[in-house]
Amino acid sequence: MSIETTVTRAWQRQAAWLWLLLPISWLYGLITMIRRHAYKTGMLSSYRAPVPVMVIGNISVGGSGKTPLIIALVNHLQKQRIVVGVISRGYGGDTSQMPTLVSANSLPNVVGDEPCLIVNMTGVAMAVCPNREQAITTLLAAYPDLQLIIADDGLQHYALQRDIEWIVVDAARGFGNEQLLPTGFLREPMSRLKGASVIYHERSKTISTNNNGNQQPANRLTMHLEADDIQRLWQPIPFNSQIREEAPEKGSRVHAVSGIGYPQRFFDTLDLLGFDVIGHPYPDHYDFSLAELLQYGDHPIIVTTKDAVKIRALLLEYTAEQALPDAYKTLVSKLWVLPVTAVLSDSCYHHLQQQLDNVGIDIKSGRNE
């Protein structure tokens, strides 16, 4: 078990030994406060893009549903004829090749898994680089007509000035012991949420109950993930019918293999769908190997869309050099992916329209004023 997985599990169960790390958290908090103040007062320089920038991030470590939210926002803006682009750090990619544009043919080991997923799902103009200024410059050089740039996971990147901030909070997971790293899983203190646009990622059943019971204010900004039909992960050519398997049905035992920020949400989703889940959590952005996945061949294997991007790249690389052996053909027949769609509350879209109006973007006409 990796250190990352060990610490993540300790955060989830709020292990008592984490409090021994409290002095480190105090130091981390002090450095964070000084750094943010330095950018705010101009002691450290920051970059102002020539077009409005919307940052989407979180104050906690681990998955919050940010990537599905970005995909949903991009799809919505494109339907409204807003010319939108996306930038990202490109975590897990090759920084020596950055800044670079992301295309449908980009590889996860070059630009990162999440950028590949975002572009594959939306076709949006996108660039990646740890230096967000360089990412924006590269993006605008290729797409000068962009009206809005969404910065993926740039909340703590104060070297980039922003016009709009959305902070995604996993309502089901909460804030643990509400402490900063490493005692807790917060990147910034909870006071950071004051006055911010906070999107509460809730479970769909929770939303239904709250709406029916009128327990939540009408203007609360919420989202939830809806699972789509399970899809075969990879099938460029027909397989022998003897090794072809049908999609796993409700009640069947499955291996849930996940290398995302908060794997338990994925496991819980499959459980709610009626599967008998054997969960296998891996660190976020984990680089799987085909040989590693063979150990789960006794049952169907279901992965997330983010993990599927990397596994498809492995299969493409392998088959470009040689034919799949029977063991890998059998493995591929057992690989399935569970797509999810972020569903935003009406209040989110109303709030977005107001914010875009404030920066001179008319979402009704798709034009900058």
Protein backbone atom coordinates (compact mmCIF):
# COMPACT_ATOMS: atom_id res chain seq x y z
CA MET A 1 0.00 0.00 0.00
CA SER A 2 1.39 3.41 -0.98
CA ILE A 3 1.94 6.24 1.51
CA GLU A 4 -0.70 8.27 -0.33
CA THR A 5 -3.29 5.52 0.08
CA THR A 6 -2.37 5.04 3.76
CA VAL A 7 -2.75 8.74 4.55
CA THR A 8 -5.96 9.02 2.54
CA ARG A 9 -7.52 6.17 4.51
CA ALA A 10 -6.36 7.77 7.75
CA TRP A 11 -8.10 11.01 6.75
CA GLN A 12 -11.29 9.12 5.94
CA ARG A 13 -11.48 7.48 9.35
CA GLN A 14 -9.96 10.53 11.13
CA ALA A 15 -7.19 8.48 12.71
CA ALA A 16 -5.97 9.78 16.06
CA TRP A 17 -2.27 9.68 15.06
CA LEU A 18 -2.86 12.44 12.51
CA TRP A 19 -2.99 14.98 15.36
CA LEU A 20 0.73 14.39 15.91
CA LEU A 21 1.23 16.24 12.61
CA LEU A 22 -0.58 19.37 13.81
CA PRO A 23 2.60 21.53 14.14
CA ILE A 24 3.34 20.85 10.48
CA SER A 25 -0.20 21.92 9.60
CA TRP A 26 0.29 25.19 11.50
CA LEU A 27 3.47 25.88 9.55
CA TYR A 28 1.73 24.98 6.28
CA GLY A 29 -1.14 27.33 7.16
CA LEU A 30 1.23 30.19 7.95
CA ILE A 31 3.08 29.77 4.67
CA THR A 32 -0.21 29.60 2.76
CA MET A 33 -1.51 32.77 4.42
CA ILE A 34 1.72 34.70 3.76
CA ARG A 35 1.82 33.54 0.15
CA ARG A 36 -1.77 34.53 -0.58
CA HIS A 37 -1.27 37.92 1.09
CA ALA A 38 1.85 38.52 -0.99
CA TYR A 39 -0.09 38.02 -4.21
CA LYS A 40 -3.03 40.07 -2.95
CA THR A 41 -0.83 43.07 -2.08
CA GLY A 42 1.32 42.85 -5.20
CA MET A 43 4.50 41.75 -3.42
CA LEU A 44 4.44 38.78 -5.77
CA SER A 45 3.48 39.41 -9.37
CA SER A 46 0.42 37.82 -10.95
CA TYR A 47 -0.83 37.49 -14.51
CA ARG A 48 -4.01 39.06 -15.88
CA ALA A 49 -5.26 37.31 -19.01
CA PRO A 50 -6.73 39.41 -21.84
CA VAL A 51 -10.01 37.47 -21.59
CA PRO A 52 -12.08 36.58 -18.50
CA VAL A 53 -10.83 33.61 -16.49
CA MET A 54 -13.03 31.26 -14.46
CA VAL A 55 -11.17 29.10 -11.94
CA ILE A 56 -12.72 25.84 -10.77
CA GLY A 57 -11.05 24.09 -7.86
CA ASN A 58 -11.43 22.91 -4.30
CA ILE A 59 -9.91 23.49 -0.89
CA SER A 60 -9.42 19.80 -0.18
CA VAL A 61 -7.15 17.05 -1.43
CA GLY A 62 -8.84 14.31 -3.40
CA GLY A 63 -11.66 14.16 -5.89
CA SER A 64 -14.64 16.45 -5.55
CA GLY A 65 -16.30 15.92 -8.95
CA LYS A 66 -14.48 18.86 -10.49
CA THR A 67 -13.73 17.23 -13.86
CA PRO A 68 -17.35 16.16 -14.60
CA LEU A 69 -18.42 19.67 -13.56
CA ILE A 70 -16.02 21.26 -16.04
CA ILE A 71 -17.27 18.96 -18.80
CA ALA A 72 -20.88 19.91 -18.02
CA LEU A 73 -20.04 23.63 -17.99
CA VAL A 74 -18.15 23.45 -21.28
CA ASN A 75 -21.05 21.60 -22.92
CA HIS A 76 -23.49 24.20 -21.59
CA LEU A 77 -21.40 27.17 -22.72
CA GLN A 78 -20.87 25.67 -26.16
CA LYS A 79 -24.63 25.26 -26.55
CA GLN A 80 -24.98 28.93 -25.63
CA ARG A 81 -22.47 29.80 -28.39
CA ILE A 82 -19.84 30.99 -25.93
CA VAL A 83 -16.35 30.34 -27.33
CA VAL A 84 -14.71 28.73 -24.33
CA GLY A 85 -11.26 27.27 -23.74
CA VAL A 86 -9.74 25.30 -20.87
CA ILE A 87 -6.28 25.29 -19.30
CA SER A 88 -4.83 22.80 -16.86
CA ARG A 89 -1.62 22.04 -15.07
CA GLY A 90 -1.49 18.75 -16.95
CA TYR A 91 -0.75 16.64 -13.90
CA GLY A 92 0.82 13.32 -14.85
CA GLY A 93 1.97 14.62 -18.22
CA ASP A 94 5.45 15.36 -19.54
CA THR A 95 6.33 18.87 -18.40
CA SER A 96 9.29 18.96 -20.81
CA GLN A 97 6.76 19.08 -23.66
CA MET A 98 4.67 21.87 -22.10
CA PRO A 99 3.10 24.27 -22.81
CA THR A 100 1.21 22.31 -25.40
CA LEU A 101 -2.25 22.07 -26.88
CA VAL A 102 -4.46 19.07 -26.14
CA SER A 103 -6.15 17.25 -29.01
CA ALA A 104 -8.25 14.12 -29.37
CA ASN A 105 -5.05 12.26 -30.24
CA SER A 106 -3.07 13.47 -27.20
CA LEU A 107 -1.71 10.85 -24.81
CA PRO A 108 -2.21 10.87 -21.04
CA ASN A 109 1.51 10.48 -20.38
CA VAL A 110 2.13 13.68 -22.36
CA VAL A 111 -0.72 16.02 -21.33
CA GLY A 112 -2.30 14.23 -18.35
CA ASP A 113 -5.35 12.00 -18.01
CA GLU A 114 -7.94 14.63 -17.08
CA PRO A 115 -7.13 16.94 -20.04
CA CYS A 116 -7.47 13.95 -22.37
CA LEU A 117 -10.86 13.14 -20.87
CA ILE A 118 -12.11 16.74 -21.05
CA VAL A 119 -11.14 17.14 -24.71
CA ASN A 120 -12.46 13.73 -25.70
CA MET A 121 -15.82 14.51 -24.10
CA THR A 122 -16.22 18.09 -25.34
CA GLY A 123 -13.78 18.84 -28.17
CA VAL A 124 -12.92 22.07 -26.33
CA ALA A 125 -9.80 24.10 -27.10
CA MET A 126 -7.34 23.26 -24.33
CA ALA A 127 -3.72 23.80 -23.33
CA VAL A 128 -1.67 22.43 -20.45
CA CYS A 129 1.31 23.74 -18.50
CA PRO A 130 2.21 24.12 -14.82
CA ASN A 131 2.76 27.79 -15.65
CA ARG A 132 -0.81 28.94 -16.27
CA GLU A 133 0.32 32.13 -18.01
CA GLN A 134 2.19 30.07 -20.59
CA ALA A 135 -0.84 27.79 -20.97
CA ILE A 136 -3.11 30.77 -21.65
CA THR A 137 -0.64 32.37 -24.05
CA THR A 138 -0.37 29.11 -26.00
CA LEU A 139 -4.14 28.67 -26.05
CA LEU A 140 -4.88 32.21 -27.24
CA ALA A 141 -2.19 32.02 -29.92
CA ALA A 142 -4.03 29.06 -31.43
CA TYR A 143 -7.57 30.24 -30.62
CA PRO A 144 -7.58 34.08 -30.54
CA ASP A 145 -11.40 34.30 -30.54
CA LEU A 146 -11.87 32.75 -27.11
CA GLN A 147 -14.31 34.65 -24.90
CA LEU A 148 -13.77 32.73 -21.66
CA ILE A 149 -11.05 30.51 -20.25
CA ILE A 150 -11.79 27.92 -17.57
CA ALA A 151 -8.81 27.07 -15.38
CA ASP A 152 -9.00 23.49 -14.14
CA ASP A 153 -7.84 23.12 -10.53
CA GLY A 154 -6.13 26.50 -10.25
CA LEU A 155 -7.72 27.74 -7.04
CA GLN A 156 -4.42 27.94 -5.14
CA HIS A 157 -2.50 29.21 -8.18
CA TYR A 158 -2.60 32.86 -7.16
CA ALA A 159 -0.09 33.82 -9.84
CA LEU A 160 -3.14 33.73 -12.11
CA GLN A 161 -5.71 36.46 -11.59
CA ARG A 162 -9.27 35.34 -11.98
CA ASP A 163 -12.65 36.93 -12.62
CA ILE A 164 -14.82 34.05 -11.37
CA GLU A 165 -14.12 31.33 -8.81
CA TRP A 166 -16.15 28.19 -8.23
CA ILE A 167 -15.14 26.03 -5.28
CA VAL A 168 -16.41 22.46 -5.41
CA VAL A 169 -17.17 20.80 -2.07
CA ASP A 170 -17.98 17.12 -1.63
CA ALA A 171 -20.96 17.40 0.71
CA ALA A 172 -21.01 13.67 1.46
CA ARG A 173 -17.32 13.49 2.31
CA GLY A 174 -17.32 16.73 4.27
CA PHE A 175 -14.13 18.25 5.61
CA GLY A 176 -12.94 15.46 7.86
CA ASN A 177 -11.30 16.90 10.98
CA GLU A 178 -11.33 20.35 9.32
CA GLN A 179 -7.54 20.65 9.61
CA LEU A 180 -4.98 21.71 7.03
CA LEU A 181 -2.49 19.32 5.49
CA PRO A 182 -1.15 16.94 6.65
CA THR A 183 -3.30 16.58 9.80
CA GLY A 184 -6.39 16.91 7.62
CA PHE A 185 -7.01 17.00 3.89
CA LEU A 186 -7.65 20.74 3.51
CA ARG A 187 -5.39 22.76 1.21
CA GLU A 188 -6.79 26.00 2.59
CA PRO A 189 -8.78 26.84 5.74
CA MET A 190 -12.56 26.67 5.68
CA SER A 191 -12.67 30.46 5.97
CA ARG A 192 -11.73 30.42 2.27
CA LEU A 193 -15.36 29.50 1.53
CA LYS A 194 -16.74 32.75 2.93
CA GLY A 195 -18.17 34.89 0.15
CA ALA A 196 -17.16 32.35 -2.50
CA SER A 197 -19.31 30.56 -5.08
CA VAL A 198 -19.47 27.13 -3.46
CA ILE A 199 -20.85 24.22 -5.48
CA TYR A 200 -21.96 21.43 -3.16
CA HIS A 201 -21.49 18.03 -4.74
CA GLU A 202 -24.25 15.93 -3.23
CA ARG A 203 -25.51 12.43 -3.75
CA SER A 204 -28.54 12.28 -6.02
CA LYS A 205 -30.66 10.62 -3.31
CA THR A 206 -29.70 13.37 -0.88
CA ILE A 207 -30.74 16.02 -3.38
CA SER A 208 -34.08 14.34 -3.99
CA THR A 209 -34.82 14.16 -0.25
CA ASN A 210 -33.78 17.73 0.34
CA ASN A 211 -35.83 19.05 -2.54
CA ASN A 212 -38.95 17.17 -1.50
CA GLY A 213 -38.56 18.24 2.10
CA ASN A 214 -37.65 21.83 1.25
CA GLN A 215 -34.70 21.54 3.62
CA GLN A 216 -32.25 23.36 1.33
CA PRO A 217 -32.46 27.02 0.28
CA ALA A 218 -33.56 27.52 -3.30
CA ASN A 219 -30.39 29.42 -4.16
CA ARG A 220 -28.03 26.71 -2.89
CA LEU A 221 -25.59 25.77 -5.65
CA THR A 222 -25.54 22.00 -6.04
CA MET A 223 -24.52 19.25 -8.40
CA HIS A 224 -24.68 15.50 -8.44
CA LEU A 225 -23.37 12.75 -10.69
CA GLU A 226 -25.70 10.53 -12.67
CA ALA A 227 -24.35 7.21 -13.87
CA ASP A 228 -24.85 6.37 -17.53
CA ASP A 229 -24.99 2.88 -19.05
CA ILE A 230 -21.88 0.77 -18.62
CA GLN A 231 -19.85 0.64 -21.81
CA ARG A 232 -17.20 -1.71 -23.15
CA LEU A 233 -13.86 -0.02 -22.57
CA TRP A 234 -12.12 -0.96 -25.80
CA GLN A 235 -13.15 -2.80 -28.92
CA PRO A 236 -11.55 -1.59 -32.13
CA ILE A 237 -12.05 -4.99 -33.78
CA PRO A 238 -14.55 -7.81 -33.15
CA PHE A 239 -13.34 -10.48 -30.77
CA ASN A 240 -13.91 -14.18 -30.99
CA SER A 241 -17.42 -14.81 -29.70
CA GLN A 242 -16.02 -17.46 -27.34
CA ILE A 243 -14.23 -14.83 -25.25
CA ARG A 244 -16.71 -12.01 -25.70
CA GLU A 245 -18.59 -11.23 -22.50
CA GLU A 246 -21.84 -9.40 -22.02
CA ALA A 247 -22.08 -6.37 -19.78
CA PRO A 248 -22.29 -7.24 -16.08
CA GLU A 249 -25.82 -7.24 -14.76
CA LYS A 250 -27.27 -5.94 -11.54
CA GLY A 251 -26.40 -8.27 -8.68
CA SER A 252 -23.25 -9.63 -10.27
CA ARG A 253 -19.87 -9.44 -8.55
CA VAL A 254 -17.45 -6.99 -10.12
CA HIS A 255 -13.98 -5.61 -9.50
CA ALA A 256 -14.11 -1.82 -9.19
CA VAL A 257 -10.64 -0.53 -10.01
CA SER A 258 -10.13 3.18 -9.45
CA GLY A 259 -7.21 5.60 -9.48
CA ILE A 260 -9.11 8.83 -8.77
CA GLY A 261 -8.98 11.32 -5.93
CA TYR A 262 -11.82 9.76 -3.92
CA PRO A 263 -12.35 6.14 -5.05
CA GLN A 264 -15.00 5.42 -2.43
CA ARG A 265 -17.52 7.57 -4.32
CA PHE A 266 -17.04 5.36 -7.39
CA PHE A 267 -17.47 2.21 -5.31
CA ASP A 268 -20.60 3.62 -3.66
CA THR A 269 -22.08 4.48 -7.07
CA LEU A 270 -21.62 0.91 -8.30
CA ASP A 271 -23.09 -0.39 -5.06
CA LEU A 272 -26.17 1.81 -5.52
CA LEU A 273 -26.50 0.44 -9.04
CA GLY A 274 -26.86 -3.01 -7.51
CA PHE A 275 -23.46 -4.57 -8.13
CA ASP A 276 -21.60 -6.73 -5.62
CA VAL A 277 -18.50 -4.56 -5.50
CA ILE A 278 -14.94 -5.61 -4.74
CA GLY A 279 -13.18 -2.27 -4.46
CA HIS A 280 -9.55 -1.72 -5.39
CA PRO A 281 -8.48 1.87 -4.62
CA TYR A 282 -5.29 3.18 -6.19
CA PRO A 283 -3.61 6.59 -5.81
CA ASP A 284 -4.99 9.44 -7.90
CA HIS A 285 -3.64 9.52 -11.48
CA TYR A 286 -2.21 6.03 -11.02
CA ASP A 287 -0.43 4.54 -14.03
CA PHE A 288 -1.91 1.10 -14.50
CA SER A 289 -0.26 -1.68 -16.49
CA LEU A 290 -2.09 -4.35 -18.47
CA ALA A 291 -0.23 -7.09 -16.61
CA GLU A 292 -1.37 -5.61 -13.29
CA LEU A 293 -5.02 -5.77 -14.33
CA LEU A 294 -4.77 -9.48 -15.13
CA GLN A 295 -5.08 -10.28 -11.41
CA TYR A 296 -8.74 -9.16 -11.50
CA GLY A 297 -9.74 -11.43 -14.37
CA ASP A 298 -12.05 -13.68 -12.35
CA HIS A 299 -14.87 -11.11 -12.54
CA PRO A 300 -15.83 -8.18 -14.77
CA ILE A 301 -13.67 -5.10 -14.18
CA ILE A 302 -15.30 -1.67 -14.07
CA VAL A 303 -13.23 1.51 -14.12
CA THR A 304 -13.89 5.25 -14.21
CA THR A 305 -13.74 7.30 -17.40
CA LYS A 306 -10.52 8.93 -16.20
CA ASP A 307 -8.83 5.56 -15.71
CA ALA A 308 -10.26 4.32 -19.00
CA VAL A 309 -8.36 7.05 -20.86
CA LYS A 310 -5.04 5.65 -19.64
CA ILE A 311 -5.96 2.00 -20.16
CA ARG A 312 -7.05 2.68 -23.75
CA ALA A 313 -3.72 4.39 -24.37
CA LEU A 314 -1.92 1.29 -23.07
CA LEU A 315 -3.92 -0.95 -25.41
CA LEU A 316 -3.28 1.30 -28.40
CA GLU A 317 0.44 1.35 -27.66
CA TYR A 318 0.55 -2.42 -27.22
CA THR A 319 -1.42 -3.29 -30.35
CA ALA A 320 0.63 -0.86 -32.45
CA GLU A 321 3.62 -3.16 -31.95
CA GLN A 322 2.11 -6.63 -31.62
CA ALA A 323 -1.12 -8.59 -31.51
CA LEU A 324 -2.85 -9.08 -28.21
CA PRO A 325 -2.17 -12.51 -26.67
CA ASP A 326 -5.16 -14.55 -25.56
CA ALA A 327 -4.71 -13.51 -21.91
CA TYR A 328 -5.00 -9.83 -22.85
CA LYS A 329 -7.92 -10.50 -25.20
CA THR A 330 -9.74 -12.13 -22.30
CA LEU A 331 -8.83 -9.18 -20.08
CA VAL A 332 -10.17 -6.68 -22.63
CA SER A 333 -13.44 -8.61 -22.83
CA LYS A 334 -13.85 -8.08 -19.07
CA LEU A 335 -13.03 -4.35 -19.05
CA TRP A 336 -15.94 -1.96 -18.69
CA VAL A 337 -16.24 1.75 -17.99
CA LEU A 338 -18.94 3.60 -16.07
CA PRO A 339 -19.50 7.08 -17.54
CA VAL A 340 -21.02 9.72 -15.28
CA THR A 341 -22.64 13.06 -16.06
CA ALA A 342 -22.64 16.06 -13.75
CA VAL A 343 -26.14 17.44 -13.26
CA LEU A 344 -26.14 21.03 -12.00
CA SER A 345 -29.00 22.72 -10.19
CA ASP A 346 -30.84 25.51 -11.99
CA SER A 347 -29.38 27.91 -9.45
CA CYS A 348 -25.89 27.08 -10.75
CA TYR A 349 -26.78 28.17 -14.27
CA HIS A 350 -28.56 31.31 -13.04
CA HIS A 351 -25.53 32.18 -10.93
CA LEU A 352 -23.20 31.55 -13.87
CA GLN A 353 -25.25 33.83 -16.11
CA GLN A 354 -25.02 36.64 -13.57
CA GLN A 355 -21.28 36.20 -13.23
CA LEU A 356 -20.73 36.18 -16.98
CA ASP A 357 -22.89 39.30 -17.31
CA ASN A 358 -20.62 40.97 -14.77
CA VAL A 359 -17.53 40.32 -16.90
CA GLY A 360 -19.19 41.44 -20.11
CA ILE A 361 -20.22 38.09 -21.61
CA ASP A 362 -23.82 37.89 -22.78
CA ILE A 363 -24.67 34.22 -22.48
CA LYS A 364 -27.91 34.79 -24.41
CA SER A 365 -26.16 36.03 -27.52
CA GLY A 366 -22.78 34.40 -27.07
CA ARG A 367 -20.98 37.71 -27.48
CA ASN A 368 -18.67 39.88 -25.41
CA GLU A 369 -20.12 43.29 -24.74
